[in-house]
Amino acid sequence: MTYWQGVLSRLSIPGVLLLVLGGVMCFAAPWLSRRVFKRWGERAATPIKVIGLVIVILSTLILLDFIPNL
């Protein structure tokens, strides 16, 4: 087994998925706010970015094993 296979085998799948989801939410917040929240439009971009940031922080804690058994 190579070094990177050992590293990848220790990563938590929920942590990686949440990390990607949070990053996409932060990056695509203006587009998401226009598509999902048509009534509020661009005003919903900032709350979407904050929620994405919270998800990224939570996933980082999962990946660093501060939240065990996930």
N, C-alpha and C. Protein backbone atom coordinates (compact mmCIF):
# COMPACT_ATOMS: atom_id res chain seq x y z
N MET A 1 0.85 -1.17 0.00
CA MET A 1 0.00 0.00 0.00
C MET A 1 0.90 1.24 0.00
N THR A 2 0.59 2.17 -0.88
CA THR A 2 1.39 3.39 -0.96
C THR A 2 0.99 4.35 0.15
N TYR A 3 1.75 5.41 0.26
CA TYR A 3 1.51 6.41 1.30
C TYR A 3 0.12 7.04 1.15
N TRP A 4 -0.24 7.44 -0.07
CA TRP A 4 -1.52 8.12 -0.29
C TRP A 4 -2.71 7.20 -0.10
N GLN A 5 -2.56 5.92 -0.38
CA GLN A 5 -3.65 4.98 -0.10
C GLN A 5 -3.89 4.88 1.39
N GLY A 6 -2.83 4.90 2.18
CA GLY A 6 -2.98 4.88 3.63
C GLY A 6 -3.65 6.14 4.15
N VAL A 7 -3.28 7.28 3.59
CA VAL A 7 -3.90 8.55 4.01
C VAL A 7 -5.38 8.56 3.64
N LEU A 8 -5.70 8.19 2.41
CA LEU A 8 -7.09 8.21 1.96
C LEU A 8 -7.95 7.19 2.69
N SER A 9 -7.37 6.09 3.14
CA SER A 9 -8.16 5.09 3.86
C SER A 9 -8.56 5.57 5.25
N ARG A 10 -7.86 6.56 5.78
CA ARG A 10 -8.19 7.08 7.10
C ARG A 10 -9.20 8.22 7.07
N LEU A 11 -9.48 8.77 5.90
CA LEU A 11 -10.41 9.89 5.81
C LEU A 11 -11.84 9.42 6.01
N SER A 12 -12.63 10.28 6.59
CA SER A 12 -14.04 10.01 6.82
C SER A 12 -14.84 10.43 5.59
N ILE A 13 -15.65 9.53 5.07
CA ILE A 13 -16.46 9.83 3.89
C ILE A 13 -17.46 10.96 4.16
N PRO A 14 -18.20 10.94 5.30
CA PRO A 14 -19.10 12.09 5.56
C PRO A 14 -18.36 13.41 5.67
N GLY A 15 -17.16 13.39 6.25
CA GLY A 15 -16.39 14.62 6.36
C GLY A 15 -15.98 15.17 5.01
N VAL A 16 -15.55 14.30 4.12
CA VAL A 16 -15.15 14.74 2.78
C VAL A 16 -16.35 15.26 2.00
N LEU A 17 -17.48 14.55 2.08
CA LEU A 17 -18.67 14.99 1.35
C LEU A 17 -19.18 16.33 1.88
N LEU A 18 -19.18 16.50 3.21
CA LEU A 18 -19.61 17.78 3.76
C LEU A 18 -18.64 18.90 3.40
N LEU A 19 -17.36 18.60 3.33
CA LEU A 19 -16.38 19.60 2.94
C LEU A 19 -16.62 20.09 1.52
N VAL A 20 -16.90 19.16 0.63
CA VAL A 20 -17.19 19.53 -0.77
C VAL A 20 -18.50 20.32 -0.85
N LEU A 21 -19.52 19.86 -0.13
CA LEU A 21 -20.81 20.56 -0.14
C LEU A 21 -20.68 21.98 0.38
N GLY A 22 -19.98 22.17 1.48
CA GLY A 22 -19.79 23.51 2.03
C GLY A 22 -19.00 24.41 1.10
N GLY A 23 -17.97 23.85 0.47
CA GLY A 23 -17.19 24.64 -0.49
C GLY A 23 -18.00 25.08 -1.68
N VAL A 24 -18.83 24.18 -2.19
CA VAL A 24 -19.70 24.52 -3.33
C VAL A 24 -20.72 25.57 -2.91
N MET A 25 -21.26 25.44 -1.70
CA MET A 25 -22.23 26.44 -1.24
C MET A 25 -21.60 27.82 -1.11
N CYS A 26 -20.38 27.88 -0.62
CA CYS A 26 -19.69 29.19 -0.50
C CYS A 26 -19.35 29.75 -1.87
N PHE A 27 -18.88 28.91 -2.76
CA PHE A 27 -18.45 29.37 -4.07
C PHE A 27 -19.62 29.78 -4.97
N ALA A 28 -20.70 28.99 -4.93
CA ALA A 28 -21.82 29.21 -5.84
C ALA A 28 -23.02 29.86 -5.15
N ALA A 29 -22.79 30.60 -4.07
CA ALA A 29 -23.90 31.21 -3.33
C ALA A 29 -24.75 32.16 -4.17
N PRO A 30 -24.17 33.04 -4.97
CA PRO A 30 -25.04 33.92 -5.78
C PRO A 30 -25.92 33.15 -6.77
N TRP A 31 -25.34 32.15 -7.42
CA TRP A 31 -26.11 31.35 -8.37
C TRP A 31 -27.20 30.55 -7.65
N LEU A 32 -26.85 29.95 -6.50
CA LEU A 32 -27.84 29.19 -5.73
C LEU A 32 -28.97 30.09 -5.23
N SER A 33 -28.62 31.28 -4.78
CA SER A 33 -29.66 32.16 -4.25
C SER A 33 -30.64 32.59 -5.34
N ARG A 34 -30.14 32.80 -6.55
CA ARG A 34 -31.06 33.17 -7.65
C ARG A 34 -31.93 32.00 -8.06
N ARG A 35 -31.40 30.77 -8.03
CA ARG A 35 -32.15 29.61 -8.49
C ARG A 35 -33.11 29.08 -7.43
N VAL A 36 -32.67 28.99 -6.19
CA VAL A 36 -33.48 28.36 -5.15
C VAL A 36 -34.44 29.35 -4.50
N PHE A 37 -33.94 30.52 -4.16
CA PHE A 37 -34.76 31.52 -3.48
C PHE A 37 -35.08 32.65 -4.45
N LYS A 38 -36.02 32.42 -5.33
CA LYS A 38 -36.33 33.40 -6.37
C LYS A 38 -36.93 34.68 -5.78
N ARG A 39 -37.62 34.54 -4.68
CA ARG A 39 -38.27 35.70 -4.09
C ARG A 39 -37.25 36.67 -3.50
N TRP A 40 -36.20 36.15 -2.86
CA TRP A 40 -35.21 37.01 -2.23
C TRP A 40 -34.04 37.34 -3.14
N GLY A 41 -33.76 36.51 -4.10
CA GLY A 41 -32.69 36.77 -5.06
C GLY A 41 -31.32 36.87 -4.43
N GLU A 42 -30.62 37.96 -4.72
CA GLU A 42 -29.23 38.13 -4.27
C GLU A 42 -29.13 38.34 -2.76
N ARG A 43 -30.20 38.73 -2.10
CA ARG A 43 -30.13 38.96 -0.66
C ARG A 43 -29.89 37.67 0.11
N ALA A 44 -30.19 36.54 -0.48
CA ALA A 44 -29.99 35.26 0.19
C ALA A 44 -28.58 34.72 0.01
N ALA A 45 -27.72 35.41 -0.72
CA ALA A 45 -26.37 34.90 -0.97
C ALA A 45 -25.52 34.89 0.29
N THR A 46 -25.61 35.92 1.11
CA THR A 46 -24.79 35.99 2.32
C THR A 46 -25.17 34.89 3.32
N PRO A 47 -26.45 34.66 3.61
CA PRO A 47 -26.76 33.55 4.51
C PRO A 47 -26.33 32.18 3.97
N ILE A 48 -26.39 32.00 2.65
CA ILE A 48 -25.94 30.74 2.06
C ILE A 48 -24.44 30.58 2.25
N LYS A 49 -23.68 31.67 2.10
CA LYS A 49 -22.24 31.60 2.32
C LYS A 49 -21.92 31.28 3.78
N VAL A 50 -22.66 31.86 4.70
CA VAL A 50 -22.43 31.58 6.12
C VAL A 50 -22.75 30.13 6.45
N ILE A 51 -23.84 29.61 5.92
CA ILE A 51 -24.19 28.21 6.14
C ILE A 51 -23.13 27.30 5.55
N GLY A 52 -22.64 27.63 4.36
CA GLY A 52 -21.57 26.85 3.74
C GLY A 52 -20.30 26.87 4.58
N LEU A 53 -19.97 28.02 5.16
CA LEU A 53 -18.79 28.12 6.01
C LEU A 53 -18.95 27.28 7.27
N VAL A 54 -20.13 27.28 7.86
CA VAL A 54 -20.39 26.45 9.04
C VAL A 54 -20.25 24.97 8.69
N ILE A 55 -20.74 24.57 7.52
CA ILE A 55 -20.61 23.18 7.08
C ILE A 55 -19.15 22.81 6.87
N VAL A 56 -18.36 23.73 6.31
CA VAL A 56 -16.93 23.46 6.10
C VAL A 56 -16.22 23.30 7.45
N ILE A 57 -16.53 24.15 8.41
CA ILE A 57 -15.91 24.03 9.73
C ILE A 57 -16.30 22.73 10.40
N LEU A 58 -17.57 22.34 10.31
CA LEU A 58 -18.03 21.07 10.89
C LEU A 58 -17.33 19.89 10.22
N SER A 59 -17.20 19.93 8.91
CA SER A 59 -16.55 18.82 8.21
C SER A 59 -15.06 18.76 8.53
N THR A 60 -14.44 19.91 8.76
CA THR A 60 -13.04 19.91 9.15
C THR A 60 -12.87 19.26 10.52
N LEU A 61 -13.79 19.55 11.42
CA LEU A 61 -13.74 18.91 12.74
C LEU A 61 -13.94 17.40 12.64
N ILE A 62 -14.80 16.98 11.72
CA ILE A 62 -15.00 15.53 11.51
C ILE A 62 -13.72 14.91 10.95
N LEU A 63 -13.12 15.56 9.96
CA LEU A 63 -11.92 15.01 9.34
C LEU A 63 -10.72 14.97 10.30
N LEU A 64 -10.65 15.93 11.20
CA LEU A 64 -9.55 15.96 12.17
C LEU A 64 -9.84 15.11 13.41
N ASP A 65 -10.96 14.42 13.43
CA ASP A 65 -11.37 13.50 14.49
C ASP A 65 -11.66 14.19 15.81
N PHE A 66 -12.12 15.45 15.78
CA PHE A 66 -12.61 16.07 16.99
C PHE A 66 -14.01 15.56 17.30
N ILE A 67 -14.73 15.10 16.28
CA ILE A 67 -16.02 14.45 16.45
C ILE A 67 -15.80 12.99 16.08
N PRO A 68 -15.60 12.12 17.06
CA PRO A 68 -15.25 10.72 16.75
C PRO A 68 -16.44 9.92 16.22
N ASN A 69 -16.12 8.79 15.64
CA ASN A 69 -17.08 7.78 15.15
C ASN A 69 -17.93 8.27 13.99
N LEU A 70 -17.45 9.20 13.22
CA LEU A 70 -18.16 9.61 12.00
C LEU A 70 -17.30 9.35 10.80
